[in-house]
Amino acid sequence: MSAWHKPWGAPSAEEVRAIFQDEKAEGLPLEQRERLWAGAFAQLGIDYDHPTTNITPVRAVSA
């Protein structure tokens, strides 16, 4: 069966926009916002696997 014949299984743009624009996230540190967003997506049954925090430390390159 073609993927085009299957119903849309992801959240709508409105649902995702509401998660990222949630007023509860305003003023929170970045790590806590990520947790809030991950929890909101988990309630929809979606694994939030695109963190915006840099999980790999940046290495300074010396000349």
Protein backbone atom coordinates (compact mmCIF):
# COMPACT_ATOMS: atom_id res chain seq x y z
CA MET A 1 0.00 0.00 0.00
CA SER A 2 1.28 3.42 -0.91
CA ALA A 3 2.10 5.83 1.90
CA TRP A 4 -0.23 8.32 0.24
CA HIS A 5 -3.21 6.05 0.93
CA LYS A 6 -2.55 5.83 4.67
CA PRO A 7 -4.08 8.35 7.05
CA TRP A 8 -1.80 11.05 8.47
CA GLY A 9 -0.36 9.67 11.71
CA ALA A 10 1.59 12.67 12.97
CA PRO A 11 0.27 15.60 14.96
CA SER A 12 -1.12 18.55 13.05
CA ALA A 13 0.81 21.76 12.58
CA GLU A 14 -1.55 23.42 15.05
CA GLU A 15 -0.79 20.80 17.73
CA VAL A 16 2.96 21.15 17.27
CA ARG A 17 2.79 24.95 17.21
CA ALA A 18 0.80 24.90 20.47
CA ILE A 19 3.49 22.76 22.12
CA PHE A 20 6.35 25.05 21.13
CA GLN A 21 4.40 28.23 21.92
CA ASP A 22 3.15 27.06 25.33
CA GLU A 23 3.27 29.95 27.79
CA LYS A 24 4.48 27.58 30.53
CA ALA A 25 7.79 27.30 28.66
CA GLU A 26 8.45 31.04 28.67
CA GLY A 27 11.26 31.98 31.00
CA LEU A 28 12.35 28.40 31.61
CA PRO A 29 15.99 27.41 31.06
CA LEU A 30 16.54 25.61 27.75
CA GLU A 31 16.90 22.17 29.35
CA GLN A 32 13.57 22.53 31.16
CA ARG A 33 11.85 23.72 27.99
CA GLU A 34 13.16 20.62 26.22
CA ARG A 35 11.71 18.43 28.97
CA LEU A 36 8.37 20.23 28.76
CA TRP A 37 8.24 19.78 24.99
CA ALA A 38 9.29 16.12 25.23
CA GLY A 39 6.52 15.50 27.78
CA ALA A 40 3.93 17.19 25.58
CA PHE A 41 4.95 15.08 22.59
CA ALA A 42 4.94 11.94 24.76
CA GLN A 43 1.31 12.66 25.65
CA LEU A 44 0.58 12.54 21.92
CA GLY A 45 2.47 9.23 21.64
CA ILE A 46 5.40 10.79 19.78
CA ASP A 47 9.06 10.38 20.66
CA TYR A 48 10.64 13.86 20.71
CA ASP A 49 14.06 12.95 19.33
CA HIS A 50 15.12 16.33 17.97
CA PRO A 51 16.51 18.24 20.95
CA THR A 52 17.62 21.77 20.28
CA THR A 53 20.25 21.68 23.00
CA ASN A 54 23.79 20.91 21.97
CA ILE A 55 24.44 17.47 23.47
CA THR A 56 28.00 17.36 22.17
CA PRO A 57 30.40 19.85 23.72
CA VAL A 58 32.03 22.22 21.29
CA ARG A 59 35.76 21.79 21.13
CA ALA A 60 37.98 24.81 20.74
CA VAL A 61 40.49 24.43 17.97
CA SER A 62 43.86 25.93 18.77
CA ALA A 63 46.28 26.92 16.03
